[in-house]
C-alpha atoms as a PDB file:
ATOM      1  CA  MET A   1      21.304  40.026  53.458  1.00  0.00           C
ATOM      2  CA  GLU A   2      19.588  40.479  56.809  1.00  0.00           C
ATOM      3  CA  VAL A   3      20.575  38.823  60.071  1.00  0.00           C
ATOM      4  CA  GLN A   4      18.538  38.301  63.232  1.00  0.00           C
ATOM      5  CA  VAL A   5      20.452  38.496  66.507  1.00  0.00           C
ATOM      6  CA  PHE A   6      18.776  37.308  69.702  1.00  0.00           C
ATOM      7  CA  GLY A   7      20.235  38.176  73.088  1.00  0.00           C
ATOM      8  CA  SER A   8      20.727  40.838  75.716  1.00  0.00           C
ATOM      9  CA  LYS A   9      22.647  44.090  75.289  1.00  0.00           C
ATOM     10  CA  LYS A  10      24.315  43.254  78.613  1.00  0.00           C
ATOM     11  CA  SER A  11      26.102  40.301  76.986  1.00  0.00           C
ATOM     12  CA  ALA A  12      29.593  41.108  75.665  1.00  0.00           C
ATOM     13  CA  ASP A  13      29.233  38.408  72.976  1.00  0.00           C
ATOM     14  CA  VAL A  14      25.967  39.942  71.764  1.00  0.00           C
ATOM     15  CA  ARG A  15      27.605  43.359  71.518  1.00  0.00           C
ATOM     16  CA  LYS A  16      30.511  41.792  69.579  1.00  0.00           C
ATOM     17  CA  ALA A  17      28.064  40.114  67.177  1.00  0.00           C
ATOM     18  CA  LEU A  18      26.177  43.351  66.577  1.00  0.00           C
ATOM     19  CA  ARG A  19      29.447  45.198  65.997  1.00  0.00           C
ATOM     20  CA  PHE A  20      30.686  42.429  63.649  1.00  0.00           C
ATOM     21  CA  PHE A  21      27.658  42.834  61.368  1.00  0.00           C
ATOM     22  CA  ALA A  22      27.569  46.640  61.661  1.00  0.00           C
ATOM     23  CA  GLU A  23      31.228  46.911  60.588  1.00  0.00           C
ATOM     24  CA  ARG A  24      30.364  44.938  57.457  1.00  0.00           C
ATOM     25  CA  ARG A  25      27.224  47.019  56.810  1.00  0.00           C
ATOM     26  CA  ILE A  26      24.931  44.032  57.164  1.00  0.00           C
ATOM     27  CA  LYS A  27      21.423  44.873  58.265  1.00  0.00           C
ATOM     28  CA  THR A  28      20.592  43.343  61.646  1.00  0.00           C
ATOM     29  CA  HIS A  29      17.307  42.854  63.395  1.00  0.00           C
ATOM     30  CA  PHE A  30      18.044  42.693  67.129  1.00  0.00           C
ATOM     31  CA  MET A  31      15.641  40.881  69.472  1.00  0.00           C
ATOM     32  CA  ASP A  32      16.433  42.001  73.020  1.00  0.00           C
ATOM     33  CA  PHE A  33      15.581  39.448  75.712  1.00  0.00           C
ATOM     34  CA  ALA A  34      14.921  42.348  78.096  1.00  0.00           C
ATOM     35  CA  GLU A  35      11.972  43.392  75.917  1.00  0.00           C
ATOM     36  CA  ARG A  36      10.711  40.102  74.535  1.00  0.00           C
ATOM     37  CA  SER A  37      11.445  36.445  75.116  1.00  0.00           C
ATOM     38  CA  PRO A  38      12.121  34.161  72.148  1.00  0.00           C
ATOM     39  CA  SER A  39       9.166  32.140  70.912  1.00  0.00           C
ATOM     40  CA  PRO A  40       9.038  28.372  71.496  1.00  0.00           C
ATOM     41  CA  GLY A  41       9.114  27.836  67.714  1.00  0.00           C
ATOM     42  CA  GLU A  42      12.272  29.905  67.365  1.00  0.00           C
ATOM     43  CA  LEU A  43      14.021  27.989  70.153  1.00  0.00           C
ATOM     44  CA  LYS A  44      12.907  24.659  68.667  1.00  0.00           C
ATOM     45  CA  ARG A  45      14.530  25.662  65.360  1.00  0.00           C
ATOM     46  CA  PHE A  46      17.856  26.246  67.141  1.00  0.00           C
ATOM     47  CA  GLY A  47      17.307  23.125  69.262  1.00  0.00           C
ATOM     48  CA  GLN A  48      16.820  20.925  66.202  1.00  0.00           C
ATOM     49  CA  LYS A  49      20.214  21.940  64.855  1.00  0.00           C
ATOM     50  CA  PHE A  50      22.289  22.147  68.047  1.00  0.00           C
ATOM     51  CA  GLY A  51      20.307  20.117  70.575  1.00  0.00           C
ATOM     52  CA  VAL A  52      18.149  21.842  73.179  1.00  0.00           C
ATOM     53  CA  ARG A  53      20.600  21.171  76.011  1.00  0.00           C
ATOM     54  CA  ASN A  54      23.340  22.965  74.041  1.00  0.00           C
ATOM     55  CA  LEU A  55      21.247  26.152  74.093  1.00  0.00           C
ATOM     56  CA  VAL A  56      21.521  26.342  77.869  1.00  0.00           C
ATOM     57  CA  ASP A  57      24.304  28.518  79.275  1.00  0.00           C
ATOM     58  CA  ARG A  58      25.294  26.541  82.359  1.00  0.00           C
ATOM     59  CA  GLU A  59      27.791  29.294  83.282  1.00  0.00           C
ATOM     60  CA  SER A  60      25.196  32.084  83.309  1.00  0.00           C
ATOM     61  CA  LYS A  61      24.246  33.860  86.494  1.00  0.00           C
ATOM     62  CA  ARG A  62      20.545  33.222  85.834  1.00  0.00           C
ATOM     63  CA  PHE A  63      21.068  29.471  85.380  1.00  0.00           C
ATOM     64  CA  VAL A  64      22.785  29.304  88.771  1.00  0.00           C
ATOM     65  CA  GLU A  65      20.122  31.492  90.426  1.00  0.00           C
ATOM     66  CA  LEU A  66      17.388  29.160  89.180  1.00  0.00           C
ATOM     67  CA  GLY A  67      19.217  26.130  90.580  1.00  0.00           C
ATOM     68  CA  LEU A  68      18.981  24.193  87.319  1.00  0.00           C
ATOM     69  CA  ALA A  69      22.362  22.463  87.599  1.00  0.00           C
ATOM     70  CA  HIS A  70      20.789  19.109  88.442  1.00  0.00           C
ATOM     71  CA  ALA A  71      17.527  19.561  86.542  1.00  0.00           C
ATOM     72  CA  MET A  72      16.478  16.533  84.510  1.00  0.00           C
ATOM     73  CA  LEU A  73      14.057  18.113  82.032  1.00  0.00           C
ATOM     74  CA  SER A  74      12.750  16.902  78.701  1.00  0.00           C
ATOM     75  CA  ASP A  75      13.568  18.939  75.598  1.00  0.00           C
ATOM     76  CA  ASP A  76      10.045  20.387  75.544  1.00  0.00           C
ATOM     77  CA  ARG A  77      10.296  21.391  79.190  1.00  0.00           C
ATOM     78  CA  TRP A  78      13.717  23.007  78.569  1.00  0.00           C
ATOM     79  CA  ILE A  79      12.202  25.012  75.683  1.00  0.00           C
ATOM     80  CA  GLU A  80       9.381  26.138  77.967  1.00  0.00           C
ATOM     81  CA  LYS A  81      11.830  27.051  80.748  1.00  0.00           C
ATOM     82  CA  LEU A  82      14.136  28.946  78.372  1.00  0.00           C
ATOM     83  CA  CYS A  83      11.197  30.929  76.958  1.00  0.00           C
ATOM     84  CA  ASP A  84      10.345  31.988  80.521  1.00  0.00           C
ATOM     85  CA  GLU A  85      14.006  32.598  81.469  1.00  0.00           C
ATOM     86  CA  PRO A  86      15.871  33.698  78.305  1.00  0.00           C
ATOM     87  CA  MET A  87      18.874  34.917  80.310  1.00  0.00           C
ATOM     88  CA  ALA A  88      19.751  31.234  80.837  1.00  0.00           C
ATOM     89  CA  LEU A  89      20.348  30.861  77.072  1.00  0.00           C
ATOM     90  CA  ARG A  90      23.756  30.894  75.405  1.00  0.00           C
ATOM     91  CA  GLN A  91      24.065  34.183  73.602  1.00  0.00           C
ATOM     92  CA  PRO A  92      23.912  35.376  70.907  1.00  0.00           C
ATOM     93  CA  LEU A  93      21.537  33.262  68.870  1.00  0.00           C
ATOM     94  CA  VAL A  94      22.027  34.360  65.253  1.00  0.00           C
ATOM     95  CA  ARG A  95      19.929  33.490  62.219  1.00  0.00           C
ATOM     96  CA  CYS A  96      20.401  34.337  58.578  1.00  0.00           C
ATOM     97  CA  GLN A  97      17.742  32.684  56.401  1.00  0.00           C
ATOM     98  CA  HIS A  98      18.160  28.973  57.254  1.00  0.00           C
ATOM     99  CA  LYS A  99      21.636  29.302  58.763  1.00  0.00           C
ATOM    100  CA  LEU A 100      21.918  29.345  62.545  1.00  0.00           C
ATOM    101  CA  THR A 101      24.631  29.819  65.149  1.00  0.00           C
ATOM    102  CA  VAL A 102      24.726  29.772  68.936  1.00  0.00           C
ATOM    103  CA  GLY A 103      27.337  31.859  70.698  1.00  0.00           C
ATOM    104  CA  LEU A 104      30.076  33.934  69.128  1.00  0.00           C
ATOM    105  CA  ALA A 105      30.850  32.379  65.712  1.00  0.00           C
ATOM    106  CA  GLU A 106      32.663  35.015  63.660  1.00  0.00           C
ATOM    107  CA  GLU A 107      34.358  32.509  61.334  1.00  0.00           C
ATOM    108  CA  GLU A 108      31.029  30.960  60.390  1.00  0.00           C
ATOM    109  CA  TRP A 109      29.487  34.413  59.881  1.00  0.00           C
ATOM    110  CA  LEU A 110      32.354  35.297  57.528  1.00  0.00           C
ATOM    111  CA  GLY A 111      31.390  32.215  55.506  1.00  0.00           C
ATOM    112  CA  TRP A 112      27.816  33.506  55.259  1.00  0.00           C
ATOM    113  CA  ILE A 113      29.047  36.811  53.848  1.00  0.00           C
ATOM    114  CA  ALA A 114      31.442  35.315  51.265  1.00  0.00           C
END
């Protein structure tokens, strides 16, 4: 079993997710937003399951800095914006094969392992 974790090491939830999988000796592939932004295809995959607007972290510092609180964007435009500004995404984004989660979801991850 291998898990992909997308996020920033600065995020406490990302660190918790990485620790969760490390404690269970599950191999993780970490994609750091500081080094590389997520691809539009990857974000669309998460957006199809959760809805693109649910990927946006409206509480994040970057979201507020960009002044997006009243933005009326289409899903495609949100994907484009989030690729350019990944720190406005809810973190972590976690993928294991075809299973996806957004945010800290330890109970669901336990179900993946069982």
